[in-house]
Amino acid sequence: MSHSIPEPFVWDESFKVFYEKLDEEHKGLFKGIFDVAGAKGDGGKLANLQKLVKAHFDSEEALMKGANYADFASHKGAHDDFLSTLNGLSAPVSDDTVHFAKNWLVNHIKSTDFQYKGKL
């Protein structure tokens, strides 16, 4: 199932996973992608997004490990694939790349992250 990409591209309550730290980090990922979308040629904004994504994935994966989350391996695989794609980018990024990142984040939170609600 594909979820709609919000415009403007900002986090809202429909993305809430009910873990305050993760929700705050998700807000930061939305802002990071929004910033890249607004300045596709700014390598600093892209580098910041890459850093934010890595830090968020590390903290989310640590919570999953700590809870012996059953779907950890496939969830981490999705993270690794996205991070690999993101780290392979350089500025300027294309409109297609921005759309890919927005779509990935929206659908990852609502389809994959939502599966861990109440389990971490």
N, C-alpha and C. Protein backbone atom coordinates (compact mmCIF):
# COMPACT_ATOMS: atom_id res chain seq x y z
N MET A 1 0.84 -1.18 0.00
CA MET A 1 0.00 0.00 0.00
C MET A 1 0.88 1.24 0.00
N SER A 2 0.55 2.17 -0.84
CA SER A 2 1.32 3.40 -0.93
C SER A 2 0.55 4.53 -0.23
N HIS A 3 1.24 5.25 0.62
CA HIS A 3 0.63 6.35 1.36
C HIS A 3 0.94 7.67 0.67
N SER A 4 0.04 8.63 0.82
CA SER A 4 0.19 9.93 0.20
C SER A 4 1.33 10.72 0.84
N ILE A 5 2.07 11.42 0.00
CA ILE A 5 3.15 12.29 0.47
C ILE A 5 2.53 13.65 0.84
N PRO A 6 2.70 14.09 2.09
CA PRO A 6 2.10 15.37 2.47
C PRO A 6 2.82 16.54 1.79
N GLU A 7 2.04 17.53 1.43
CA GLU A 7 2.59 18.79 0.91
C GLU A 7 1.94 19.93 1.67
N PRO A 8 2.68 20.80 2.33
CA PRO A 8 4.14 20.78 2.36
C PRO A 8 4.65 19.53 3.08
N PHE A 9 5.90 19.17 2.81
CA PHE A 9 6.47 17.94 3.34
C PHE A 9 6.92 18.16 4.78
N VAL A 10 5.97 17.99 5.70
CA VAL A 10 6.25 18.12 7.13
C VAL A 10 5.57 16.97 7.88
N TRP A 11 6.17 16.60 9.00
CA TRP A 11 5.62 15.57 9.87
C TRP A 11 4.31 16.05 10.45
N ASP A 12 3.34 15.14 10.58
CA ASP A 12 2.11 15.46 11.29
C ASP A 12 1.74 14.26 12.17
N GLU A 13 0.68 14.42 12.94
CA GLU A 13 0.28 13.39 13.91
C GLU A 13 0.00 12.02 13.28
N SER A 14 -0.31 11.99 11.99
CA SER A 14 -0.60 10.70 11.35
C SER A 14 0.65 9.82 11.25
N PHE A 15 1.83 10.39 11.53
CA PHE A 15 3.08 9.63 11.49
C PHE A 15 3.55 9.21 12.88
N LYS A 16 2.76 9.47 13.90
CA LYS A 16 3.18 9.23 15.28
C LYS A 16 3.34 7.73 15.57
N VAL A 17 4.54 7.37 16.10
CA VAL A 17 4.79 5.98 16.49
C VAL A 17 4.69 5.80 18.01
N PHE A 18 4.49 6.91 18.73
CA PHE A 18 4.26 6.91 20.18
C PHE A 18 5.50 6.53 20.99
N TYR A 19 6.66 6.81 20.43
CA TYR A 19 7.93 6.78 21.16
C TYR A 19 8.50 8.17 20.94
N GLU A 20 8.52 8.99 22.00
CA GLU A 20 8.83 10.42 21.84
C GLU A 20 10.14 10.67 21.10
N LYS A 21 11.19 9.94 21.45
CA LYS A 21 12.49 10.14 20.80
C LYS A 21 12.39 9.84 19.31
N LEU A 22 11.72 8.76 18.94
CA LEU A 22 11.61 8.40 17.53
C LEU A 22 10.73 9.38 16.77
N ASP A 23 9.63 9.82 17.40
CA ASP A 23 8.78 10.82 16.74
C ASP A 23 9.56 12.11 16.50
N GLU A 24 10.36 12.53 17.48
CA GLU A 24 11.17 13.75 17.30
C GLU A 24 12.19 13.56 16.18
N GLU A 25 12.80 12.39 16.14
CA GLU A 25 13.77 12.12 15.06
C GLU A 25 13.08 12.07 13.70
N HIS A 26 11.88 11.48 13.65
CA HIS A 26 11.14 11.46 12.38
C HIS A 26 10.84 12.89 11.91
N LYS A 27 10.48 13.77 12.85
CA LYS A 27 10.26 15.18 12.49
C LYS A 27 11.51 15.76 11.85
N GLY A 28 12.66 15.43 12.41
CA GLY A 28 13.93 15.91 11.87
C GLY A 28 14.22 15.37 10.48
N LEU A 29 13.82 14.12 10.22
CA LEU A 29 14.03 13.55 8.89
C LEU A 29 13.15 14.26 7.86
N PHE A 30 11.92 14.55 8.24
CA PHE A 30 11.04 15.31 7.34
C PHE A 30 11.68 16.66 7.02
N LYS A 31 12.18 17.35 8.05
CA LYS A 31 12.80 18.65 7.84
C LYS A 31 14.05 18.51 6.98
N GLY A 32 14.83 17.48 7.22
CA GLY A 32 16.04 17.27 6.43
C GLY A 32 15.74 17.09 4.96
N ILE A 33 14.74 16.29 4.65
CA ILE A 33 14.35 16.09 3.25
C ILE A 33 13.76 17.37 2.68
N PHE A 34 12.94 18.05 3.47
CA PHE A 34 12.36 19.34 3.04
C PHE A 34 13.47 20.33 2.69
N ASP A 35 14.50 20.38 3.53
CA ASP A 35 15.62 21.30 3.29
C ASP A 35 16.37 20.95 2.01
N VAL A 36 16.60 19.67 1.77
CA VAL A 36 17.27 19.24 0.54
C VAL A 36 16.41 19.59 -0.67
N ALA A 37 15.10 19.36 -0.55
CA ALA A 37 14.19 19.66 -1.66
C ALA A 37 14.23 21.14 -2.03
N GLY A 38 14.42 21.99 -1.04
CA GLY A 38 14.43 23.43 -1.27
C GLY A 38 15.77 23.97 -1.73
N ALA A 39 16.81 23.14 -1.66
CA ALA A 39 18.16 23.57 -2.06
C ALA A 39 18.91 22.36 -2.61
N LYS A 40 18.44 21.87 -3.75
CA LYS A 40 18.96 20.62 -4.32
C LYS A 40 20.46 20.64 -4.61
N GLY A 41 21.03 21.83 -4.76
CA GLY A 41 22.45 21.94 -5.05
C GLY A 41 23.33 22.14 -3.82
N ASP A 42 22.73 22.16 -2.64
CA ASP A 42 23.46 22.43 -1.40
C ASP A 42 23.97 21.12 -0.79
N GLY A 43 25.25 20.85 -0.98
CA GLY A 43 25.84 19.62 -0.45
C GLY A 43 25.80 19.55 1.07
N GLY A 44 25.81 20.70 1.73
CA GLY A 44 25.73 20.72 3.19
C GLY A 44 24.39 20.21 3.70
N LYS A 45 23.32 20.57 3.01
CA LYS A 45 21.98 20.10 3.41
C LYS A 45 21.87 18.59 3.18
N LEU A 46 22.45 18.12 2.08
CA LEU A 46 22.44 16.68 1.81
C LEU A 46 23.26 15.94 2.87
N ALA A 47 24.43 16.45 3.20
CA ALA A 47 25.28 15.83 4.24
C ALA A 47 24.56 15.80 5.58
N ASN A 48 23.83 16.87 5.90
CA ASN A 48 23.07 16.91 7.15
C ASN A 48 21.99 15.84 7.15
N LEU A 49 21.29 15.69 6.03
CA LEU A 49 20.26 14.65 5.94
C LEU A 49 20.88 13.26 6.13
N GLN A 50 22.00 13.02 5.48
CA GLN A 50 22.67 11.72 5.62
C GLN A 50 23.02 11.44 7.09
N LYS A 51 23.51 12.47 7.79
CA LYS A 51 23.86 12.34 9.21
C LYS A 51 22.62 12.08 10.07
N LEU A 52 21.54 12.82 9.79
CA LEU A 52 20.30 12.63 10.54
C LEU A 52 19.73 11.23 10.36
N VAL A 53 19.75 10.75 9.13
CA VAL A 53 19.21 9.41 8.85
C VAL A 53 20.02 8.34 9.56
N LYS A 54 21.34 8.43 9.49
CA LYS A 54 22.20 7.45 10.15
C LYS A 54 21.96 7.44 11.66
N ALA A 55 21.91 8.62 12.26
CA ALA A 55 21.69 8.71 13.72
C ALA A 55 20.33 8.15 14.11
N HIS A 56 19.30 8.45 13.32
CA HIS A 56 17.97 7.94 13.62
C HIS A 56 17.93 6.42 13.50
N PHE A 57 18.47 5.89 12.41
CA PHE A 57 18.46 4.44 12.23
C PHE A 57 19.20 3.76 13.38
N ASP A 58 20.32 4.32 13.81
CA ASP A 58 21.06 3.75 14.94
C ASP A 58 20.22 3.71 16.20
N SER A 59 19.50 4.79 16.51
CA SER A 59 18.71 4.80 17.75
C SER A 59 17.49 3.90 17.64
N GLU A 60 16.85 3.88 16.48
CA GLU A 60 15.68 3.01 16.31
C GLU A 60 16.09 1.54 16.39
N GLU A 61 17.19 1.20 15.75
CA GLU A 61 17.67 -0.18 15.78
C GLU A 61 18.10 -0.60 17.18
N ALA A 62 18.66 0.32 17.95
CA ALA A 62 19.04 0.00 19.34
C ALA A 62 17.80 -0.33 20.17
N LEU A 63 16.72 0.43 19.98
CA LEU A 63 15.47 0.13 20.69
C LEU A 63 14.92 -1.23 20.27
N MET A 64 14.98 -1.52 18.99
CA MET A 64 14.48 -2.81 18.50
C MET A 64 15.29 -3.96 19.08
N LYS A 65 16.61 -3.81 19.08
CA LYS A 65 17.47 -4.86 19.65
C LYS A 65 17.15 -5.07 21.12
N GLY A 66 17.02 -3.96 21.85
CA GLY A 66 16.74 -4.03 23.28
C GLY A 66 15.44 -4.72 23.60
N ALA A 67 14.48 -4.65 22.67
CA ALA A 67 13.18 -5.28 22.87
C ALA A 67 13.08 -6.65 22.20
N ASN A 68 14.21 -7.12 21.65
CA ASN A 68 14.19 -8.37 20.88
C ASN A 68 13.08 -8.37 19.84
N TYR A 69 12.99 -7.25 19.12
CA TYR A 69 11.95 -7.07 18.11
C TYR A 69 12.06 -8.16 17.05
N ALA A 70 10.97 -8.88 16.83
CA ALA A 70 10.98 -10.06 15.96
C ALA A 70 11.36 -9.76 14.51
N ASP A 71 10.99 -8.59 14.01
CA ASP A 71 11.24 -8.28 12.60
C ASP A 71 12.48 -7.40 12.42
N PHE A 72 13.40 -7.47 13.38
CA PHE A 72 14.58 -6.61 13.35
C PHE A 72 15.38 -6.76 12.06
N ALA A 73 15.66 -7.97 11.63
CA ALA A 73 16.55 -8.18 10.48
C ALA A 73 16.02 -7.54 9.21
N SER A 74 14.74 -7.72 8.91
CA SER A 74 14.22 -7.13 7.68
C SER A 74 14.10 -5.62 7.80
N HIS A 75 13.77 -5.13 9.01
CA HIS A 75 13.67 -3.69 9.23
C HIS A 75 15.06 -3.05 9.03
N LYS A 76 16.07 -3.66 9.62
CA LYS A 76 17.44 -3.14 9.47
C LYS A 76 17.86 -3.20 8.00
N GLY A 77 17.47 -4.24 7.29
CA GLY A 77 17.79 -4.34 5.88
C GLY A 77 17.22 -3.18 5.08
N ALA A 78 15.98 -2.79 5.40
CA ALA A 78 15.36 -1.65 4.72
C ALA A 78 16.13 -0.37 5.03
N HIS A 79 16.55 -0.23 6.29
CA HIS A 79 17.36 0.93 6.67
C HIS A 79 18.68 0.95 5.89
N ASP A 80 19.35 -0.19 5.87
CA ASP A 80 20.65 -0.27 5.21
C ASP A 80 20.55 0.07 3.73
N ASP A 81 19.51 -0.43 3.07
CA ASP A 81 19.32 -0.15 1.64
C ASP A 81 19.10 1.35 1.40
N PHE A 82 18.24 1.97 2.22
CA PHE A 82 17.97 3.40 2.04
C PHE A 82 19.22 4.22 2.32
N LEU A 83 19.93 3.89 3.40
CA LEU A 83 21.12 4.65 3.75
C LEU A 83 22.19 4.51 2.67
N SER A 84 22.32 3.33 2.10
CA SER A 84 23.27 3.12 1.03
C SER A 84 22.94 4.00 -0.18
N THR A 85 21.66 4.05 -0.54
CA THR A 85 21.23 4.91 -1.64
C THR A 85 21.51 6.37 -1.31
N LEU A 86 21.13 6.79 -0.11
CA LEU A 86 21.31 8.17 0.31
C LEU A 86 22.79 8.57 0.33
N ASN A 87 23.62 7.68 0.84
CA ASN A 87 25.05 7.98 0.93
C ASN A 87 25.74 7.98 -0.43
N GLY A 88 25.09 7.40 -1.44
CA GLY A 88 25.63 7.40 -2.78
C GLY A 88 25.30 8.67 -3.57
N LEU A 89 24.54 9.57 -2.96
CA LEU A 89 24.13 10.79 -3.65
C LEU A 89 25.15 11.91 -3.48
N SER A 90 25.12 12.81 -4.42
CA SER A 90 25.88 14.06 -4.29
C SER A 90 25.02 15.18 -4.85
N ALA A 91 25.29 16.37 -4.39
CA ALA A 91 24.54 17.53 -4.86
C ALA A 91 25.05 17.94 -6.23
N PRO A 92 24.20 18.40 -7.11
CA PRO A 92 22.76 18.58 -6.90
C PRO A 92 22.00 17.26 -7.03
N VAL A 93 20.93 17.14 -6.25
CA VAL A 93 20.07 15.97 -6.36
C VAL A 93 18.92 16.31 -7.31
N SER A 94 18.39 15.28 -7.92
CA SER A 94 17.31 15.48 -8.90
C SER A 94 15.95 15.52 -8.21
N ASP A 95 14.96 16.02 -8.94
CA ASP A 95 13.58 15.99 -8.44
C ASP A 95 13.15 14.56 -8.16
N ASP A 96 13.55 13.62 -9.03
CA ASP A 96 13.21 12.21 -8.83
C ASP A 96 13.79 11.67 -7.53
N THR A 97 15.01 12.08 -7.22
CA THR A 97 15.64 11.64 -5.99
C THR A 97 14.91 12.19 -4.77
N VAL A 98 14.52 13.44 -4.82
CA VAL A 98 13.77 14.04 -3.72
C VAL A 98 12.44 13.30 -3.54
N HIS A 99 11.76 13.02 -4.64
CA HIS A 99 10.50 12.30 -4.56
C HIS A 99 10.72 10.91 -3.97
N PHE A 100 11.78 10.22 -4.40
CA PHE A 100 12.11 8.91 -3.86
C PHE A 100 12.28 8.98 -2.34
N ALA A 101 13.04 9.96 -1.85
CA ALA A 101 13.29 10.07 -0.41
C ALA A 101 12.01 10.36 0.36
N LYS A 102 11.19 11.28 -0.16
CA LYS A 102 9.92 11.59 0.49
C LYS A 102 9.03 10.35 0.54
N ASN A 103 8.89 9.68 -0.59
CA ASN A 103 8.04 8.50 -0.68
C ASN A 103 8.55 7.39 0.24
N TRP A 104 9.86 7.19 0.26
CA TRP A 104 10.43 6.14 1.10
C TRP A 104 10.11 6.42 2.56
N LEU A 105 10.36 7.64 3.02
CA LEU A 105 10.15 7.97 4.44
C LEU A 105 8.68 7.80 4.83
N VAL A 106 7.78 8.36 4.05
CA VAL A 106 6.35 8.27 4.35
C VAL A 106 5.92 6.81 4.44
N ASN A 107 6.28 6.02 3.44
CA ASN A 107 5.83 4.64 3.42
C ASN A 107 6.56 3.76 4.42
N HIS A 108 7.81 4.08 4.71
CA HIS A 108 8.54 3.30 5.72
C HIS A 108 7.92 3.52 7.10
N ILE A 109 7.63 4.76 7.44
CA ILE A 109 7.03 5.02 8.76
C ILE A 109 5.66 4.36 8.85
N LYS A 110 4.80 4.61 7.87
CA LYS A 110 3.42 4.15 7.98
C LYS A 110 3.24 2.66 7.72
N SER A 111 4.14 2.03 6.99
CA SER A 111 3.98 0.61 6.71
C SER A 111 4.92 -0.28 7.52
N THR A 112 6.12 0.21 7.81
CA THR A 112 7.12 -0.62 8.50
C THR A 112 7.25 -0.23 9.96
N ASP A 113 7.50 1.05 10.23
CA ASP A 113 7.65 1.48 11.63
C ASP A 113 6.37 1.25 12.43
N PHE A 114 5.23 1.45 11.81
CA PHE A 114 3.97 1.26 12.54
C PHE A 114 3.84 -0.17 13.08
N GLN A 115 4.55 -1.11 12.51
CA GLN A 115 4.48 -2.49 13.00
C GLN A 115 5.11 -2.66 14.37
N TYR A 116 6.01 -1.73 14.77
CA TYR A 116 6.62 -1.86 16.09
C TYR A 116 5.89 -1.08 17.18
N LYS A 117 4.81 -0.40 16.84
CA LYS A 117 4.06 0.33 17.88
C LYS A 117 3.70 -0.61 19.02
N GLY A 118 4.01 -0.19 20.23
CA GLY A 118 3.68 -0.96 21.41
C GLY A 118 4.56 -2.17 21.66
N LYS A 119 5.61 -2.35 20.85
CA LYS A 119 6.47 -3.53 20.97
C LYS A 119 7.89 -3.19 21.38
N LEU A 120 8.21 -1.91 21.50
CA LEU A 120 9.56 -1.52 21.88
C LEU A 120 9.57 -1.02 23.32
